[in-house]
């Protein structure tokens, strides 16, 4: 059954590099929800905690996905902060 969970994690994880790339390229995270990203991150962290109690190799995919979501979340928050500062100066 681990293979099906792994397939799910690979499919979910395939979109995060594109999302990160878009955030870095555009530097304008309009349309990205911080709440959504936090919910996804909490989900991956919960999966990691479960896998620590029931270890198998799929934990690596949870960690990779959590790192990518965390990166996107960090970038979105950073660029949102920068936009707010720019608006305050204007």
N, C-alpha and C. Protein backbone atom coordinates (compact mmCIF):
# COMPACT_ATOMS: atom_id res chain seq x y z
N UNK A 1 0.81 -1.21 0.00
CA UNK A 1 0.00 0.00 0.00
C UNK A 1 0.85 1.27 0.00
N UNK A 2 2.10 1.19 0.43
CA UNK A 2 2.95 2.37 0.43
C UNK A 2 3.10 2.97 -0.97
N UNK A 3 3.05 2.16 -1.98
CA UNK A 3 3.24 2.64 -3.34
C UNK A 3 2.13 3.62 -3.75
N UNK A 4 0.90 3.36 -3.32
CA UNK A 4 -0.21 4.25 -3.65
C UNK A 4 -0.09 5.59 -2.91
N UNK A 5 0.34 5.53 -1.67
CA UNK A 5 0.58 6.75 -0.91
C UNK A 5 1.73 7.54 -1.56
N UNK A 6 2.76 6.84 -2.00
CA UNK A 6 3.89 7.48 -2.66
C UNK A 6 3.45 8.15 -3.97
N UNK A 7 2.62 7.48 -4.73
CA UNK A 7 2.11 8.06 -5.98
C UNK A 7 1.33 9.33 -5.68
N UNK A 8 0.50 9.30 -4.65
CA UNK A 8 -0.26 10.48 -4.25
C UNK A 8 0.69 11.62 -3.88
N UNK A 9 1.73 11.32 -3.11
CA UNK A 9 2.67 12.34 -2.67
C UNK A 9 3.46 12.92 -3.85
N UNK A 10 3.84 12.08 -4.81
CA UNK A 10 4.55 12.56 -6.00
C UNK A 10 3.63 13.47 -6.82
N UNK A 11 2.38 13.06 -6.97
CA UNK A 11 1.43 13.88 -7.74
C UNK A 11 1.19 15.23 -7.07
N UNK A 12 0.99 15.22 -5.74
CA UNK A 12 0.82 16.48 -5.03
C UNK A 12 2.08 17.32 -5.12
N UNK A 13 3.23 16.68 -4.95
CA UNK A 13 4.50 17.39 -4.92
C UNK A 13 4.95 17.94 -6.26
N UNK A 14 4.41 17.43 -7.34
CA UNK A 14 4.84 17.88 -8.67
C UNK A 14 4.49 19.34 -8.93
N UNK A 15 3.47 19.85 -8.28
CA UNK A 15 3.04 21.22 -8.53
C UNK A 15 3.83 22.26 -7.73
N UNK A 16 4.47 21.87 -6.64
CA UNK A 16 5.11 22.86 -5.78
C UNK A 16 6.32 23.54 -6.40
N UNK A 17 7.19 22.82 -7.14
CA UNK A 17 8.30 23.55 -7.78
C UNK A 17 7.81 24.64 -8.75
N UNK A 18 6.75 24.36 -9.47
CA UNK A 18 6.19 25.35 -10.40
C UNK A 18 5.65 26.54 -9.62
N UNK A 19 4.98 26.27 -8.52
CA UNK A 19 4.43 27.34 -7.69
C UNK A 19 5.54 28.21 -7.11
N UNK A 20 6.61 27.58 -6.64
CA UNK A 20 7.75 28.33 -6.09
C UNK A 20 8.39 29.17 -7.18
N UNK A 21 8.61 28.58 -8.35
CA UNK A 21 9.23 29.29 -9.46
C UNK A 21 8.40 30.52 -9.84
N UNK A 22 7.08 30.35 -9.89
CA UNK A 22 6.21 31.47 -10.25
C UNK A 22 6.30 32.58 -9.21
N UNK A 23 6.32 32.21 -7.94
CA UNK A 23 6.41 33.20 -6.87
C UNK A 23 7.71 33.98 -6.97
N UNK A 24 8.82 33.28 -7.21
CA UNK A 24 10.13 33.94 -7.32
C UNK A 24 10.19 34.82 -8.56
N UNK A 25 9.68 34.33 -9.67
CA UNK A 25 9.75 35.07 -10.93
C UNK A 25 8.92 36.34 -10.89
N UNK A 26 7.70 36.22 -10.41
CA UNK A 26 6.76 37.35 -10.45
C UNK A 26 6.94 38.28 -9.25
N UNK A 27 7.35 37.74 -8.12
CA UNK A 27 7.51 38.50 -6.88
C UNK A 27 6.22 39.22 -6.47
N UNK A 28 5.10 38.65 -6.91
CA UNK A 28 3.80 39.21 -6.60
C UNK A 28 2.84 38.06 -6.32
N UNK A 29 2.67 37.71 -5.05
CA UNK A 29 1.88 36.53 -4.71
C UNK A 29 0.38 36.75 -4.67
N UNK A 30 -0.12 37.73 -5.42
CA UNK A 30 -1.57 37.96 -5.45
C UNK A 30 -2.24 36.68 -5.94
N UNK A 31 -3.28 36.29 -5.27
CA UNK A 31 -4.01 35.09 -5.65
C UNK A 31 -3.57 33.86 -4.88
N UNK A 32 -2.46 33.97 -4.15
CA UNK A 32 -2.01 32.85 -3.33
C UNK A 32 -2.50 33.08 -1.91
N UNK A 33 -3.07 32.05 -1.34
CA UNK A 33 -3.64 32.16 -0.01
C UNK A 33 -2.66 31.63 1.04
N UNK A 34 -2.29 32.50 1.97
CA UNK A 34 -1.42 32.10 3.07
C UNK A 34 -2.12 31.04 3.93
N UNK A 35 -3.42 31.21 4.14
CA UNK A 35 -4.17 30.24 4.95
C UNK A 35 -4.15 28.87 4.28
N UNK A 36 -4.36 28.82 2.97
CA UNK A 36 -4.31 27.55 2.25
C UNK A 36 -2.94 26.90 2.40
N UNK A 37 -1.88 27.69 2.20
CA UNK A 37 -0.53 27.15 2.30
C UNK A 37 -0.25 26.63 3.71
N UNK A 38 -0.72 27.34 4.73
CA UNK A 38 -0.55 26.86 6.11
C UNK A 38 -1.31 25.55 6.34
N UNK A 39 -2.51 25.45 5.80
CA UNK A 39 -3.27 24.21 5.96
C UNK A 39 -2.57 23.03 5.30
N UNK A 40 -2.04 23.26 4.11
CA UNK A 40 -1.30 22.19 3.42
C UNK A 40 -0.06 21.82 4.22
N UNK A 41 0.65 22.83 4.73
CA UNK A 41 1.86 22.58 5.52
C UNK A 41 1.54 21.79 6.78
N UNK A 42 0.46 22.15 7.45
CA UNK A 42 0.04 21.41 8.64
C UNK A 42 -0.29 19.96 8.28
N UNK A 43 -0.92 19.76 7.14
CA UNK A 43 -1.23 18.41 6.69
C UNK A 43 0.03 17.59 6.47
N UNK A 44 1.03 18.17 5.80
CA UNK A 44 2.29 17.45 5.58
C UNK A 44 3.02 17.18 6.90
N UNK A 45 3.03 18.16 7.80
CA UNK A 45 3.66 17.95 9.10
C UNK A 45 2.96 16.84 9.87
N UNK A 46 1.63 16.80 9.79
CA UNK A 46 0.88 15.71 10.44
C UNK A 46 1.25 14.37 9.84
N UNK A 47 1.41 14.31 8.53
CA UNK A 47 1.84 13.09 7.87
C UNK A 47 3.22 12.66 8.32
N UNK A 48 4.12 13.63 8.49
CA UNK A 48 5.48 13.32 8.97
C UNK A 48 5.42 12.74 10.38
N UNK A 49 4.62 13.36 11.24
CA UNK A 49 4.49 12.86 12.62
C UNK A 49 3.95 11.44 12.62
N UNK A 50 2.96 11.17 11.79
CA UNK A 50 2.43 9.81 11.69
C UNK A 50 3.51 8.84 11.22
N UNK A 51 4.27 9.26 10.20
CA UNK A 51 5.31 8.39 9.65
C UNK A 51 6.44 8.16 10.65
N UNK A 52 6.67 9.09 11.56
CA UNK A 52 7.67 8.87 12.60
C UNK A 52 7.23 7.74 13.53
N UNK A 53 5.92 7.66 13.77
CA UNK A 53 5.38 6.58 14.61
C UNK A 53 5.25 5.27 13.85
N UNK A 54 5.09 5.34 12.54
CA UNK A 54 4.93 4.16 11.67
C UNK A 54 5.89 4.31 10.49
N UNK A 55 7.19 4.16 10.73
CA UNK A 55 8.18 4.52 9.71
C UNK A 55 8.14 3.67 8.44
N UNK A 56 8.32 4.35 7.33
CA UNK A 56 8.59 3.72 6.05
C UNK A 56 9.23 4.78 5.16
N UNK A 57 9.60 4.41 3.96
CA UNK A 57 10.35 5.30 3.08
C UNK A 57 9.55 6.48 2.55
N UNK A 58 8.23 6.44 2.66
CA UNK A 58 7.39 7.52 2.13
C UNK A 58 7.57 8.81 2.95
N UNK A 59 8.13 8.69 4.15
CA UNK A 59 8.37 9.88 4.97
C UNK A 59 9.25 10.89 4.23
N UNK A 60 10.14 10.39 3.37
CA UNK A 60 11.01 11.28 2.60
C UNK A 60 10.17 12.17 1.67
N UNK A 61 9.12 11.63 1.10
CA UNK A 61 8.25 12.42 0.22
C UNK A 61 7.47 13.46 1.02
N UNK A 62 7.01 13.08 2.22
CA UNK A 62 6.33 14.05 3.08
C UNK A 62 7.28 15.20 3.43
N UNK A 63 8.52 14.86 3.76
CA UNK A 63 9.50 15.90 4.12
C UNK A 63 9.81 16.80 2.94
N UNK A 64 9.99 16.22 1.77
CA UNK A 64 10.26 17.01 0.57
C UNK A 64 9.10 17.96 0.26
N UNK A 65 7.88 17.43 0.29
CA UNK A 65 6.70 18.27 0.02
C UNK A 65 6.55 19.36 1.07
N UNK A 66 6.76 19.02 2.34
CA UNK A 66 6.65 20.02 3.41
C UNK A 66 7.69 21.12 3.21
N UNK A 67 8.90 20.75 2.79
CA UNK A 67 9.94 21.75 2.55
C UNK A 67 9.55 22.67 1.39
N UNK A 68 8.98 22.10 0.34
CA UNK A 68 8.58 22.93 -0.80
C UNK A 68 7.44 23.87 -0.44
N UNK A 69 6.45 23.37 0.29
CA UNK A 69 5.34 24.22 0.70
C UNK A 69 5.85 25.30 1.66
N UNK A 70 6.73 24.91 2.56
CA UNK A 70 7.32 25.89 3.48
C UNK A 70 8.07 26.98 2.74
N UNK A 71 8.78 26.61 1.69
CA UNK A 71 9.50 27.59 0.87
C UNK A 71 8.52 28.54 0.19
N UNK A 72 7.48 27.98 -0.40
CA UNK A 72 6.48 28.84 -1.07
C UNK A 72 5.79 29.74 -0.05
N UNK A 73 5.46 29.21 1.10
CA UNK A 73 4.82 30.00 2.16
C UNK A 73 5.73 31.15 2.59
N UNK A 74 7.01 30.85 2.81
CA UNK A 74 7.97 31.88 3.19
C UNK A 74 8.03 32.98 2.13
N UNK A 75 8.13 32.58 0.86
CA UNK A 75 8.22 33.56 -0.22
C UNK A 75 6.96 34.42 -0.33
N UNK A 76 5.81 33.79 -0.21
CA UNK A 76 4.55 34.53 -0.29
C UNK A 76 4.47 35.56 0.84
N UNK A 77 4.82 35.14 2.04
CA UNK A 77 4.79 36.07 3.18
C UNK A 77 5.82 37.19 3.00
N UNK A 78 7.00 36.86 2.50
CA UNK A 78 8.05 37.86 2.26
C UNK A 78 7.59 38.88 1.23
N UNK A 79 7.09 38.42 0.10
CA UNK A 79 6.67 39.35 -0.95
C UNK A 79 5.42 40.14 -0.55
N UNK A 80 4.53 39.55 0.23
CA UNK A 80 3.38 40.30 0.74
C UNK A 80 3.86 41.44 1.64
N UNK A 81 4.84 41.14 2.51
CA UNK A 81 5.40 42.16 3.40
C UNK A 81 6.04 43.29 2.58
N UNK A 82 6.79 42.90 1.56
CA UNK A 82 7.44 43.91 0.70
C UNK A 82 6.40 44.78 0.01
N UNK A 83 5.33 44.19 -0.47
CA UNK A 83 4.28 44.97 -1.16
C UNK A 83 3.61 45.94 -0.20
N UNK A 84 3.36 45.48 1.04
CA UNK A 84 2.74 46.38 2.03
C UNK A 84 3.66 47.56 2.33
N UNK A 85 4.96 47.32 2.46
CA UNK A 85 5.91 48.40 2.72
C UNK A 85 5.95 49.38 1.54
N UNK A 86 5.92 48.85 0.31
CA UNK A 86 5.92 49.72 -0.86
C UNK A 86 4.67 50.58 -0.92
N UNK A 87 3.53 49.99 -0.58
CA UNK A 87 2.27 50.76 -0.58
C UNK A 87 2.29 51.83 0.50
N UNK A 88 2.89 51.52 1.65
CA UNK A 88 2.95 52.49 2.74
C UNK A 88 3.84 53.68 2.36
N UNK A 89 4.87 53.45 1.56
CA UNK A 89 5.76 54.53 1.12
C UNK A 89 5.09 55.42 0.08
N UNK A 90 4.19 54.85 -0.69
CA UNK A 90 3.58 55.61 -1.79
C UNK A 90 2.53 56.58 -1.33
